[in-house]
Amino acid sequence: MAAPALAYSAASADPVAYEAAPVTSEPVQRKGSRSTASLNEKQVHPVTDHENMLAKDTEEVEAARTRRQETYHKLRPFILTGVALVILGWWISATILKATRHRWIVQSIFAWFFILVIIFRYVPASVVSKPVGAVWNPLIQEPWYRLSYPIRLSIGVLCLLAIIFGSAFGFPLEANTNYGDRAISVVGLFIFQFGFFLASSNRKAIPWPTVIVGLFIQQAIALFVLKSGAGFHLFNWIATLASDFLAQGLVGAAFFFDAETITKHWFFVNTLGTIIFFIAFVQMTYYLGVMQWIIKHFAWLFFKLMNISGAEAVVAASSPWIGQGESACLVRPYVDLMTDSEIHLTMTSGFSTIAGSVLSAYISLGVPAQNLVTSSVMSIPASIAISKMRLPETDEPVTRGHVVVDRGEDKKGAPANALHAFSQGAVFGLIVAGQILTNVLTVLSLVATVNGLLTWVGRGFGIHALTLQLVLGYVFYPVTFFLGVPRHEILRVSQLLATKLVANEFAAYLDLQAITKGDNPLSHRAFTIASYSLCGFANLGSVGIQIGVLGALAPSRSKIIAKLALSAMVCGFLSTLQTAAIAGMLI
């Protein structure tokens, strides 16, 4: 009975054909009409035909992509050569012109960095490494390692002491300071190190070369920035560039509000708008591979100098730019395999630095941009040294001996192009901005509630201004003293540190801004030390953020992460204070 039905369906569109169609067991095919057999096949196998079409479309897309890649590889040498010539021409022109001649150091570093990057895309690194190795290995490396470990360690300690005391007492005094203030900062640095040594989980396993090199690099960065014209101009240029770049996010904010509102520097408008813009831009650079390249080569420096694992180097080097939690995503495949010491360093580096996404917030509050950038860079080696003293490495890390950066290429929902990545980053930036907004709002309200309760209790004892900041301010009083803050300003700075620890650095910088605009502002020395010591994410709220992010990346290590979180926060908090103490030696 199936055959007549098929014959009817095939010929129903033509009555004449229907009448002439014999009822047989074979399908009838007539000129100009479709075969009932083919129709039957399409009814039985529609999914197969659809899959074939998709496979064909996929093959065509892959073929087109392959052709584009082949064309790009053929044209890339010419494109990069043209880019290098343009940069070289810009450098020559900028060096000759009077209007830009004063910034020749910065523009030379900027131009030749990119020119050398392009050159070494095609010139093997051995052209430089072999001649350098031919001199370095026989004259420096081999004689150095012929010395015994105690002798090498003693030489390192002497070099560290030389740069510390030379920095503190080898430069002229600045206004409203004296050598006694600098001496207190030096003593504070040694007290911090002694405290870390006493709190170490395994004093015999402390990697002293890593600690000494970390402290030396931290001191050298401060010396380079604060006491050399080239260093100051370079970091000031970086800070100014970052500030100007982040200010572009205000153009979008002005579209929704108005130009007059932007000039009022409202936190909701100015700060959150630039955060969204910056995160969107970073996501786009990730898609292009630029951020991974920069971080990998920056991490290689700490990997070589401080003898840490590749994963630790990447996380520590990236924390000042992309912030806590997100930096661990760069080594996502290895987080679940990290040792306890690696996890502790990962969290410590996040607590001791800030993220580029909130840089504009602090700048808008009147904090010098070069102080923020310098503090974050100095905190990288400091966090490594402090973390390795507190929890030395006793296991063998998986990434020992190589630097790896996860590009996230296998991640589902990867962007289709750079513009799509920018759009996805903007959505993620909105989420981050919302988290910042809600955390600042709720934490400040909670602190105000606690302060209200303490004030009510304090009045029963005749204390009319008992607050959490006042209590912790006295607790931090001796710590602030050893930072080198002038005696009559110690309590105010220690209360800022208390606000940072209990609430967050946003609230502390807001209080610092209020003091600066008040009738009794801080001295230059106290303000500089305070701006350095507040520059970090070490606060109670960030503990939850770190546990949440790292716990999601490494579920099997969630208990260890929660166990080490408080220790890492204290180490990160003291890392920023150590950076401030070193700054106090030089001002």
Protein backbone atom coordinates (compact mmCIF):
# COMPACT_ATOMS: atom_id res chain seq x y z
CA MET A 1 0.00 0.00 0.00
CA ALA A 2 2.97 2.28 0.27
CA ALA A 3 3.64 2.48 -3.47
CA PRO A 4 0.24 3.93 -4.48
CA ALA A 5 0.53 6.49 -1.72
CA LEU A 6 3.94 7.58 -3.00
CA ALA A 7 2.60 7.75 -6.54
CA TYR A 8 -0.24 9.94 -5.35
CA SER A 9 2.02 12.27 -3.43
CA ALA A 10 4.42 12.59 -6.34
CA ALA A 11 1.72 13.33 -8.88
CA SER A 12 -0.78 15.22 -6.77
CA ALA A 13 0.46 18.53 -8.09
CA ASP A 14 -0.55 17.46 -11.65
CA PRO A 15 -4.07 15.95 -12.08
CA VAL A 16 -3.28 14.57 -15.54
CA ALA A 17 -0.22 12.84 -14.29
CA TYR A 18 -2.24 11.43 -11.43
CA GLU A 19 -4.79 9.84 -13.76
CA ALA A 20 -2.11 8.39 -16.03
CA ALA A 21 0.01 7.03 -13.27
CA PRO A 22 -0.35 3.28 -13.11
CA VAL A 23 -0.56 1.65 -9.75
CA THR A 24 2.52 -0.51 -9.66
CA SER A 25 5.12 -1.52 -7.13
CA GLU A 26 7.78 0.65 -8.81
CA PRO A 27 7.89 4.42 -8.36
CA VAL A 28 6.98 6.45 -11.42
CA GLN A 29 9.29 9.19 -12.65
CA ARG A 30 8.16 11.65 -15.23
CA LYS A 31 10.13 14.32 -17.05
CA GLY A 32 10.09 17.63 -15.18
CA SER A 33 9.07 16.04 -11.85
CA ARG A 34 11.27 14.97 -8.93
CA SER A 35 11.91 11.31 -8.29
CA THR A 36 9.87 9.76 -5.55
CA ALA A 37 12.91 7.69 -4.61
CA SER A 38 15.05 10.79 -4.07
CA LEU A 39 12.20 12.39 -2.18
CA ASN A 40 11.94 9.33 -0.02
CA GLU A 41 15.69 9.44 0.69
CA LYS A 42 15.50 13.09 1.76
CA GLN A 43 12.60 12.28 4.04
CA VAL A 44 14.45 9.35 5.58
CA HIS A 45 17.96 11.04 5.88
CA PRO A 46 17.46 14.81 6.43
CA VAL A 47 20.02 14.89 9.28
CA THR A 48 22.70 13.28 7.11
CA ASP A 49 22.22 15.89 4.38
CA HIS A 50 22.39 18.70 6.96
CA GLU A 51 25.60 17.29 8.46
CA ASN A 52 27.15 17.04 5.01
CA MET A 53 26.29 20.66 4.30
CA LEU A 54 27.80 21.76 7.64
CA ALA A 55 30.94 19.74 6.99
CA LYS A 56 31.27 21.31 3.56
CA ASP A 57 30.81 24.81 4.99
CA THR A 58 33.40 24.06 7.68
CA GLU A 59 35.88 22.84 5.09
CA GLU A 60 35.37 26.01 3.06
CA VAL A 61 35.88 28.21 6.14
CA GLU A 62 39.04 26.33 7.10
CA ALA A 63 40.35 26.56 3.56
CA ALA A 64 39.71 30.31 3.48
CA ARG A 65 41.42 30.71 6.85
CA THR A 66 44.41 28.71 5.66
CA ARG A 67 44.70 30.90 2.56
CA ARG A 68 44.58 34.05 4.72
CA GLN A 69 47.26 32.67 7.02
CA GLU A 70 49.49 31.76 4.09
CA THR A 71 49.05 35.23 2.62
CA TYR A 72 49.83 36.83 5.98
CA HIS A 73 53.00 34.75 6.42
CA LYS A 74 54.18 35.81 2.98
CA LEU A 75 53.49 39.50 3.62
CA ARG A 76 54.54 39.58 7.29
CA PRO A 77 58.24 40.34 6.64
CA PHE A 78 57.30 43.32 4.49
CA ILE A 79 54.67 44.54 6.98
CA LEU A 80 57.03 44.29 9.96
CA THR A 81 59.83 45.94 8.01
CA GLY A 82 57.52 48.84 7.18
CA VAL A 83 56.46 49.13 10.84
CA ALA A 84 60.11 49.14 11.97
CA LEU A 85 60.97 51.87 9.47
CA VAL A 86 58.04 53.98 10.61
CA ILE A 87 59.11 53.63 14.26
CA LEU A 88 62.71 54.47 13.33
CA GLY A 89 61.57 57.53 11.39
CA TRP A 90 59.42 58.63 14.31
CA TRP A 91 62.36 58.25 16.71
CA ILE A 92 64.69 60.30 14.47
CA SER A 93 62.08 63.01 14.00
CA ALA A 94 61.15 63.12 17.70
CA THR A 95 64.81 63.34 18.72
CA ILE A 96 65.53 66.22 16.36
CA LEU A 97 62.43 68.32 17.03
CA LYS A 98 62.84 70.83 19.86
CA ALA A 99 59.37 70.21 21.20
CA THR A 100 60.15 66.56 22.00
CA ARG A 101 63.93 66.60 22.45
CA HIS A 102 63.63 66.78 26.25
CA ARG A 103 62.08 63.30 26.40
CA TRP A 104 64.74 61.54 24.33
CA ILE A 105 65.40 58.86 26.98
CA VAL A 106 61.82 57.65 27.12
CA GLN A 107 61.18 57.76 23.39
CA SER A 108 64.49 56.01 22.67
CA ILE A 109 63.63 53.14 25.01
CA PHE A 110 60.14 52.96 23.57
CA ALA A 111 61.23 53.02 19.91
CA TRP A 112 64.21 50.67 20.12
CA PHE A 113 62.32 48.17 22.23
CA PHE A 114 59.80 47.59 19.44
CA ILE A 115 62.46 47.74 16.73
CA LEU A 116 64.50 45.04 18.47
CA VAL A 117 61.38 42.92 18.99
CA ILE A 118 60.76 43.04 15.24
CA ILE A 119 64.41 42.33 14.41
CA PHE A 120 64.59 39.27 16.65
CA ARG A 121 61.54 37.81 14.95
CA TYR A 122 63.91 36.89 12.13
CA VAL A 123 67.39 37.16 13.63
CA PRO A 124 68.19 34.23 15.97
CA ALA A 125 68.84 35.18 19.58
CA SER A 126 72.09 33.22 19.43
CA VAL A 127 73.61 36.16 17.54
CA VAL A 128 73.61 38.00 20.87
CA SER A 129 73.55 35.15 23.38
CA LYS A 130 76.64 33.36 22.06
CA PRO A 131 79.04 36.36 22.29
CA VAL A 132 77.60 37.27 25.69
CA GLY A 133 77.90 33.68 26.87
CA ALA A 134 81.47 33.48 25.60
CA VAL A 135 82.36 36.34 27.95
CA TRP A 136 79.93 35.69 30.80
CA ASN A 137 80.50 31.97 31.38
CA PRO A 138 84.32 31.81 31.68
CA LEU A 139 84.82 35.20 33.32
CA ILE A 140 81.87 35.44 35.71
CA GLN A 141 79.62 32.39 36.01
CA GLU A 142 82.24 29.63 36.29
CA PRO A 143 84.52 31.47 38.78
CA TRP A 144 81.47 32.48 40.82
CA TYR A 145 80.21 28.91 41.22
CA ARG A 146 83.67 27.64 42.06
CA LEU A 147 83.28 29.53 45.34
CA SER A 148 81.63 27.67 48.18
CA TYR A 149 78.01 28.39 49.05
CA PRO A 150 78.80 30.21 52.34
CA ILE A 151 81.23 32.52 50.55
CA ARG A 152 78.74 33.32 47.78
CA LEU A 153 76.06 33.97 50.39
CA SER A 154 78.39 36.27 52.35
CA ILE A 155 79.20 38.27 49.22
CA GLY A 156 75.49 38.61 48.50
CA VAL A 157 74.78 39.86 52.02
CA LEU A 158 77.60 42.41 51.77
CA CYS A 159 76.25 43.70 48.45
CA LEU A 160 72.76 43.97 49.94
CA LEU A 161 74.04 45.88 52.98
CA ALA A 162 76.06 48.17 50.73
CA ILE A 163 73.08 49.18 48.60
CA ILE A 164 70.83 49.62 51.68
CA PHE A 165 73.18 51.85 53.65
CA GLY A 166 74.40 53.60 50.51
CA SER A 167 70.82 54.45 49.55
CA ALA A 168 69.89 55.67 53.02
CA PHE A 169 72.95 57.75 53.83
CA GLY A 170 74.67 58.41 50.52
CA PHE A 171 72.24 61.03 49.18
CA PRO A 172 71.47 64.58 50.33
CA LEU A 173 68.51 65.09 52.62
CA GLU A 174 65.25 66.42 51.29
CA ALA A 175 63.02 69.02 52.93
CA ASN A 176 61.52 68.21 56.35
CA THR A 177 63.56 65.04 56.83
CA ASN A 178 66.78 63.98 58.55
CA TYR A 179 69.13 61.03 58.69
CA GLY A 180 67.41 59.84 61.85
CA ASP A 181 64.19 59.26 59.89
CA ARG A 182 66.11 57.34 57.25
CA ALA A 183 67.89 55.29 59.92
CA ILE A 184 64.51 54.30 61.40
CA SER A 185 63.42 53.05 57.96
CA VAL A 186 66.60 50.95 57.72
CA VAL A 187 66.01 49.47 61.18
CA GLY A 188 62.41 48.75 60.22
CA LEU A 189 63.55 46.83 57.15
CA PHE A 190 65.77 44.59 59.27
CA ILE A 191 63.01 44.07 61.86
CA PHE A 192 60.63 42.97 59.11
CA GLN A 193 63.13 40.40 57.83
CA PHE A 194 63.79 39.09 61.35
CA GLY A 195 60.04 38.72 61.90
CA PHE A 196 59.65 36.76 58.66
CA PHE A 197 62.52 34.51 59.70
CA LEU A 198 60.92 33.79 63.09
CA ALA A 199 57.54 33.08 61.45
CA SER A 200 59.02 30.74 58.81
CA SER A 201 57.50 27.27 58.60
CA ASN A 202 60.94 25.75 57.89
CA ARG A 203 63.90 27.99 58.67
CA LYS A 204 66.46 25.46 57.41
CA ALA A 205 64.83 25.38 53.95
CA ILE A 206 64.76 29.16 53.40
CA PRO A 207 66.31 29.88 49.95
CA TRP A 208 68.58 32.72 51.05
CA PRO A 209 69.85 33.54 47.52
CA THR A 210 66.24 34.13 46.44
CA VAL A 211 65.60 36.33 49.49
CA ILE A 212 68.81 38.36 49.05
CA VAL A 213 68.30 38.87 45.32
CA GLY A 214 64.66 39.87 45.90
CA LEU A 215 65.60 42.51 48.46
CA PHE A 216 68.44 43.74 46.27
CA ILE A 217 66.16 44.13 43.23
CA GLN A 218 63.56 45.93 45.33
CA GLN A 219 66.19 48.35 46.60
CA ALA A 220 67.67 48.81 43.12
CA ILE A 221 64.27 49.68 41.60
CA ALA A 222 63.65 52.28 44.30
CA LEU A 223 67.11 53.73 43.79
CA PHE A 224 66.66 53.81 40.02
CA VAL A 225 63.31 55.58 40.19
CA LEU A 226 63.76 57.97 43.11
CA LYS A 227 67.41 58.92 42.69
CA SER A 228 68.12 58.86 38.95
CA GLY A 229 66.75 61.20 36.33
CA ALA A 230 66.40 58.43 33.74
CA GLY A 231 64.50 56.14 36.11
CA PHE A 232 62.19 58.86 37.31
CA HIS A 233 61.41 60.07 33.79
CA LEU A 234 60.86 56.51 32.57
CA PHE A 235 58.45 55.53 35.34
CA ASN A 236 56.80 58.94 35.25
CA TRP A 237 56.27 58.48 31.52
CA ILE A 238 54.80 55.01 32.08
CA ALA A 239 52.50 56.39 34.77
CA THR A 240 51.50 59.37 32.64
CA LEU A 241 50.87 57.11 29.65
CA ALA A 242 48.70 54.85 31.79
CA SER A 243 46.81 57.82 33.20
CA ASP A 244 46.22 59.35 29.76
CA PHE A 245 45.16 56.01 28.33
CA LEU A 246 42.69 55.33 31.13
CA ALA A 247 41.29 58.84 30.72
CA GLN A 248 39.97 57.78 27.31
CA GLY A 249 37.36 55.76 29.13
CA LEU A 250 35.83 59.02 30.29
CA VAL A 251 34.78 59.80 26.71
CA GLY A 252 32.26 56.99 26.90
CA ALA A 253 31.12 58.12 30.35
CA ALA A 254 30.57 61.66 29.03
CA PHE A 255 28.19 60.25 26.42
CA PHE A 256 25.84 59.02 29.16
CA PHE A 257 26.27 61.97 31.51
CA ASP A 258 27.87 65.29 30.48
CA ALA A 259 31.25 66.99 30.45
CA GLU A 260 30.55 68.88 33.67
CA THR A 261 29.78 65.67 35.55
CA ILE A 262 33.08 64.16 34.42
CA THR A 263 35.04 67.05 35.93
CA LYS A 264 33.53 66.34 39.37
CA HIS A 265 35.46 63.03 39.58
CA TRP A 266 32.57 61.02 40.90
CA PHE A 267 33.58 57.48 41.77
CA PHE A 268 30.54 55.93 40.09
CA VAL A 269 31.13 57.82 36.84
CA ASN A 270 34.88 58.27 36.46
CA THR A 271 36.39 55.26 38.19
CA LEU A 272 33.96 52.54 37.16
CA GLY A 273 33.86 53.81 33.57
CA THR A 274 37.62 53.60 33.14
CA ILE A 275 37.70 50.16 34.79
CA ILE A 276 35.27 48.78 32.22
CA PHE A 277 37.24 50.32 29.36
CA PHE A 278 40.60 49.01 30.63
CA ILE A 279 39.41 45.45 31.17
CA ALA A 280 37.87 45.40 27.69
CA PHE A 281 41.18 46.56 26.21
CA VAL A 282 43.14 43.92 28.16
CA GLN A 283 40.84 41.17 26.93
CA MET A 284 41.47 42.31 23.37
CA THR A 285 45.26 42.23 23.90
CA TYR A 286 44.88 38.69 25.26
CA TYR A 287 43.11 37.64 22.10
CA LEU A 288 45.92 39.16 20.02
CA GLY A 289 48.56 37.45 22.17
CA VAL A 290 50.26 40.73 23.12
CA MET A 291 49.68 40.51 26.88
CA GLN A 292 50.91 36.91 27.06
CA TRP A 293 54.10 37.84 25.20
CA ILE A 294 54.85 40.78 27.51
CA ILE A 295 54.14 38.87 30.70
CA LYS A 296 56.10 35.79 29.62
CA HIS A 297 59.25 37.78 28.89
CA PHE A 298 58.82 39.90 32.02
CA ALA A 299 58.41 36.74 34.09
CA TRP A 300 61.54 35.22 32.54
CA LEU A 301 63.60 37.88 34.32
CA PHE A 302 62.38 36.87 37.79
CA PHE A 303 62.54 33.20 36.84
CA LYS A 304 66.25 33.53 36.06
CA LEU A 305 67.25 35.92 38.83
CA MET A 306 65.32 34.47 41.75
CA ASN A 307 65.27 30.74 40.93
CA ILE A 308 61.52 30.23 41.25
CA SER A 309 59.22 28.02 39.19
CA GLY A 310 57.84 29.19 35.88
CA ALA A 311 54.28 29.37 37.21
CA GLU A 312 55.37 31.50 40.17
CA ALA A 313 57.29 33.86 37.90
CA VAL A 314 54.31 34.37 35.58
CA VAL A 315 51.85 35.00 38.42
CA ALA A 316 54.17 37.37 40.30
CA ALA A 317 55.07 39.34 37.17
CA SER A 318 51.47 39.71 36.03
CA SER A 319 49.85 40.64 39.36
CA PRO A 320 50.57 44.41 39.12
CA TRP A 321 48.97 44.60 35.68
CA ILE A 322 45.92 42.34 35.78
CA GLY A 323 45.40 41.90 39.52
CA GLN A 324 44.82 39.14 42.04
CA GLY A 325 43.04 36.01 40.90
CA GLU A 326 43.20 36.89 37.21
CA SER A 327 46.99 36.44 37.26
CA ALA A 328 46.57 32.80 38.26
CA CYS A 329 44.43 32.25 35.16
CA LEU A 330 47.59 32.65 33.07
CA VAL A 331 48.85 29.33 34.46
CA ARG A 332 45.44 27.74 34.76
CA PRO A 333 46.46 24.17 33.77
CA TYR A 334 49.08 24.09 36.54
CA VAL A 335 47.19 25.64 39.47
CA ASP A 336 45.79 22.27 40.55
CA LEU A 337 49.35 20.87 40.51
CA MET A 338 50.97 23.68 42.51
CA THR A 339 52.87 22.99 45.70
CA ASP A 340 51.89 24.68 48.96
CA SER A 341 54.75 27.16 48.57
CA GLU A 342 53.64 28.04 45.02
CA ILE A 343 50.04 28.61 46.15
CA HIS A 344 51.25 30.82 49.01
CA LEU A 345 53.38 32.90 46.63
CA THR A 346 50.50 33.17 44.14
CA MET A 347 48.25 34.69 46.80
CA THR A 348 50.98 36.83 48.38
CA SER A 349 51.85 38.48 45.07
CA GLY A 350 48.17 39.24 44.51
CA PHE A 351 47.79 40.81 47.96
CA SER A 352 50.97 42.92 47.67
CA THR A 353 50.15 44.68 44.39
CA ILE A 354 47.27 46.45 42.67
CA ALA A 355 45.69 45.92 39.26
CA GLY A 356 45.96 48.23 36.30
CA SER A 357 42.16 48.32 36.13
CA VAL A 358 41.98 50.33 39.38
CA LEU A 359 45.01 52.52 38.74
CA SER A 360 42.86 55.37 37.49
CA ALA A 361 40.80 55.27 40.68
CA TYR A 362 43.81 56.04 42.85
CA ILE A 363 45.13 58.65 40.42
CA SER A 364 41.77 60.41 40.48
CA LEU A 365 42.07 60.57 44.28
CA GLY A 366 45.29 62.59 44.01
CA VAL A 367 47.88 59.81 44.45
CA PRO A 368 50.95 60.37 42.21
CA ALA A 369 50.89 57.85 39.38
CA GLN A 370 54.65 57.20 39.57
CA ASN A 371 54.30 56.23 43.25
CA LEU A 372 51.66 53.65 42.36
CA VAL A 373 53.59 52.14 39.45
CA THR A 374 56.88 52.08 41.38
CA SER A 375 55.27 50.51 44.45
CA SER A 376 53.67 47.73 42.41
CA VAL A 377 56.87 46.89 40.53
CA MET A 378 58.92 46.94 43.76
CA SER A 379 56.41 44.63 45.41
CA ILE A 380 57.04 41.85 42.87
CA PRO A 381 60.50 40.83 44.19
CA ALA A 382 59.43 41.73 47.74
CA SER A 383 56.46 39.36 47.65
CA ILE A 384 58.66 36.57 46.29
CA ALA A 385 61.31 37.03 48.98
CA ILE A 386 58.79 37.32 51.83
CA SER A 387 56.69 34.36 50.71
CA LYS A 388 59.73 32.11 50.34
CA MET A 389 60.85 33.04 53.86
CA ARG A 390 57.41 32.37 55.32
CA LEU A 391 56.79 29.11 53.44
CA PRO A 392 59.94 27.76 51.73
CA GLU A 393 59.73 25.29 48.86
CA THR A 394 60.27 21.69 49.99
CA ASP A 395 58.73 19.90 46.99
CA GLU A 396 59.51 19.83 43.27
CA PRO A 397 57.25 22.17 41.23
CA VAL A 398 55.93 20.91 37.91
CA THR A 399 57.00 24.09 36.11
CA ARG A 400 60.52 24.17 37.50
CA GLY A 401 62.90 25.09 34.68
CA HIS A 402 60.50 26.71 32.18
CA VAL A 403 58.06 29.63 31.89
CA VAL A 404 54.58 28.83 30.58
CA VAL A 405 51.61 31.08 29.86
CA ASP A 406 48.16 29.68 29.15
CA ARG A 407 46.62 31.34 26.09
CA GLY A 408 43.17 29.87 26.76
CA GLU A 409 42.82 28.66 23.17
CA ASP A 410 40.71 25.65 24.09
CA LYS A 411 38.28 27.62 26.19
CA LYS A 412 34.65 27.38 25.12
CA GLY A 413 33.09 30.56 23.90
CA ALA A 414 36.35 31.98 22.59
CA PRO A 415 35.90 35.31 20.75
CA ALA A 416 35.68 35.29 16.97
CA ASN A 417 37.92 38.32 16.47
CA ALA A 418 39.54 41.22 18.30
CA LEU A 419 36.35 43.32 18.33
CA HIS A 420 34.38 40.41 19.78
CA ALA A 421 37.07 39.99 22.46
CA PHE A 422 36.81 43.70 23.27
CA SER A 423 33.03 43.37 23.59
CA GLN A 424 33.30 40.32 25.85
CA GLY A 425 35.90 42.14 27.94
CA ALA A 426 33.53 45.08 28.36
CA VAL A 427 30.84 42.77 29.72
CA PHE A 428 33.36 41.23 32.10
CA GLY A 429 34.51 44.73 33.07
CA LEU A 430 30.92 45.61 33.94
CA ILE A 431 30.83 42.62 36.28
CA VAL A 432 34.12 43.65 37.91
CA ALA A 433 32.93 47.24 38.27
CA GLY A 434 29.72 45.99 39.86
CA GLN A 435 31.69 43.88 42.32
CA ILE A 436 33.87 46.85 43.26
CA LEU A 437 30.81 49.07 43.66
CA THR A 438 28.96 46.61 45.88
CA ASN A 439 32.02 45.66 47.94
CA VAL A 440 32.99 49.28 48.64
CA LEU A 441 29.40 50.20 49.48
CA THR A 442 28.74 47.27 51.79
CA VAL A 443 32.16 47.13 53.48
CA LEU A 444 32.19 50.84 54.24
CA SER A 445 28.66 50.55 55.62
CA LEU A 446 29.68 47.56 57.75
CA VAL A 447 32.71 49.42 59.12
CA ALA A 448 30.49 52.41 59.91
CA THR A 449 28.12 50.08 61.78
CA VAL A 450 30.96 48.61 63.83
CA ASN A 451 32.31 52.09 64.53
CA GLY A 452 28.88 53.21 65.69
CA LEU A 453 28.69 50.30 68.12
CA LEU A 454 32.21 50.97 69.41
CA THR A 455 31.41 54.67 69.87
CA TRP A 456 28.29 53.78 71.84
CA VAL A 457 30.30 51.40 74.04
CA GLY A 458 33.19 53.86 74.35
CA ARG A 459 30.97 56.61 75.72
CA GLY A 460 30.34 54.41 78.73
CA PHE A 461 34.07 54.71 79.47
CA GLY A 462 34.21 58.40 78.64
CA ILE A 463 35.74 57.82 75.16
CA HIS A 464 33.72 59.75 72.60
CA ALA A 465 35.58 58.76 69.39
CA LEU A 466 36.24 55.04 69.78
CA THR A 467 36.43 53.52 66.28
CA LEU A 468 37.96 50.45 64.66
CA GLN A 469 40.50 52.65 62.92
CA LEU A 470 41.52 54.20 66.24
CA VAL A 471 41.99 50.81 67.92
CA LEU A 472 43.98 49.29 65.07
CA GLY A 473 45.78 52.60 64.60
CA TYR A 474 47.36 52.17 68.02
CA VAL A 475 48.08 48.51 67.23
CA PHE A 476 49.90 49.56 64.04
CA TYR A 477 51.60 52.50 65.76
CA PRO A 478 54.98 50.75 66.28
CA VAL A 479 54.87 49.32 62.74
CA THR A 480 54.25 52.78 61.29
CA PHE A 481 57.05 54.19 63.43
CA PHE A 482 59.55 51.82 61.79
CA LEU A 483 58.45 52.98 58.34
CA GLY A 484 60.15 56.30 59.12
CA VAL A 485 57.01 58.46 59.37
CA PRO A 486 57.59 61.70 61.32
CA ARG A 487 56.60 61.23 64.95
CA HIS A 488 53.72 63.71 65.05
CA GLU A 489 52.06 62.04 62.01
CA ILE A 490 52.41 58.37 62.97
CA LEU A 491 48.89 57.95 64.38
CA ARG A 492 47.17 59.38 61.31
CA VAL A 493 49.15 57.14 58.94
CA SER A 494 48.62 54.07 61.13
CA GLN A 495 44.87 54.70 61.05
CA LEU A 496 45.05 54.75 57.25
CA LEU A 497 46.75 51.34 57.39
CA ALA A 498 43.97 50.09 59.65
CA THR A 499 41.33 51.32 57.19
CA LYS A 500 43.10 49.54 54.35
CA LEU A 501 43.27 46.24 56.23
CA VAL A 502 39.72 46.28 57.59
CA ALA A 503 37.93 47.89 54.65
CA ASN A 504 40.05 48.22 51.48
CA GLU A 505 42.60 50.47 49.81
CA PHE A 506 39.81 52.52 48.14
CA ALA A 507 38.53 53.64 51.51
CA ALA A 508 42.06 54.33 52.77
CA TYR A 509 42.93 56.46 49.73
CA LEU A 510 39.65 58.34 50.17
CA ASP A 511 40.69 59.16 53.74
CA LEU A 512 44.15 60.17 52.50
CA GLN A 513 42.53 62.49 49.97
CA ALA A 514 40.39 64.06 52.69
CA ILE A 515 43.48 64.63 54.86
CA THR A 516 45.35 66.16 51.92
CA LYS A 517 42.53 68.61 51.21
CA GLY A 518 42.01 69.40 54.89
CA ASP A 519 43.46 72.15 57.04
CA ASN A 520 46.27 69.96 58.38
CA PRO A 521 47.68 67.91 55.47
CA LEU A 522 50.46 65.37 55.82
CA SER A 523 54.06 66.33 55.17
CA HIS A 524 55.66 65.26 51.91
CA ARG A 525 57.53 62.43 53.62
CA ALA A 526 54.47 61.08 55.45
CA PHE A 527 52.29 61.39 52.33
CA THR A 528 54.82 59.51 50.16
CA ILE A 529 55.21 56.68 52.69
CA ALA A 530 51.43 56.45 53.09
CA SER A 531 50.82 56.35 49.33
CA TYR A 532 53.32 53.48 49.00
CA SER A 533 52.05 51.52 52.00
CA LEU A 534 48.40 51.62 50.89
CA CYS A 535 49.16 50.38 47.35
CA GLY A 536 48.03 46.76 47.58
CA PHE A 537 45.01 44.46 47.78
CA ALA A 538 45.82 43.08 51.26
CA ASN A 539 42.51 43.37 53.11
CA LEU A 540 39.97 41.03 54.63
CA GLY A 541 37.60 41.28 51.67
CA SER A 542 40.30 40.21 49.23
CA VAL A 543 40.79 36.98 51.18
CA GLY A 544 37.39 35.82 50.00
CA ILE A 545 38.17 36.83 46.43
CA GLN A 546 41.44 34.87 46.40
CA ILE A 547 39.88 31.76 47.94
CA GLY A 548 37.00 31.89 45.48
CA VAL A 549 39.10 32.33 42.34
CA LEU A 550 41.89 29.88 43.20
CA GLY A 551 39.39 27.38 44.61
CA ALA A 552 37.56 27.39 41.28
CA LEU A 553 40.83 26.88 39.38
CA ALA A 554 42.10 24.14 41.71
CA PRO A 555 39.17 22.35 43.42
CA SER A 556 41.40 19.62 44.84
CA ARG A 557 43.53 22.24 46.62
CA SER A 558 40.67 24.28 48.10
CA LYS A 559 41.44 23.31 51.71
CA ILE A 560 45.11 24.25 51.36
CA ILE A 561 44.13 27.53 49.70
CA ALA A 562 41.79 28.43 52.56
CA LYS A 563 44.43 27.42 55.09
CA LEU A 564 47.16 29.59 53.55
CA ALA A 565 44.99 32.61 52.67
CA LEU A 566 45.36 34.53 55.95
CA SER A 567 49.14 33.97 56.05
CA ALA A 568 49.44 35.20 52.45
CA MET A 569 47.36 38.29 53.23
CA VAL A 570 49.61 39.24 56.17
CA CYS A 571 52.71 38.69 54.01
CA GLY A 572 51.22 40.81 51.23
CA PHE A 573 50.31 43.54 53.71
CA LEU A 574 53.85 43.60 55.13
CA SER A 575 55.30 43.50 51.61
CA THR A 576 53.75 46.87 50.79
CA LEU A 577 54.95 48.24 54.14
CA GLN A 578 58.47 47.06 53.33
CA THR A 579 58.26 48.87 50.01
CA ALA A 580 57.16 52.01 51.84
CA ALA A 581 60.07 51.67 54.28
CA ILE A 582 62.54 51.48 51.38
CA ALA A 583 60.95 54.58 49.87
CA GLY A 584 61.39 56.23 53.26
CA MET A 585 65.15 55.63 53.05
CA LEU A 586 65.40 57.72 49.91
CA ILE A 587 63.22 60.75 50.65
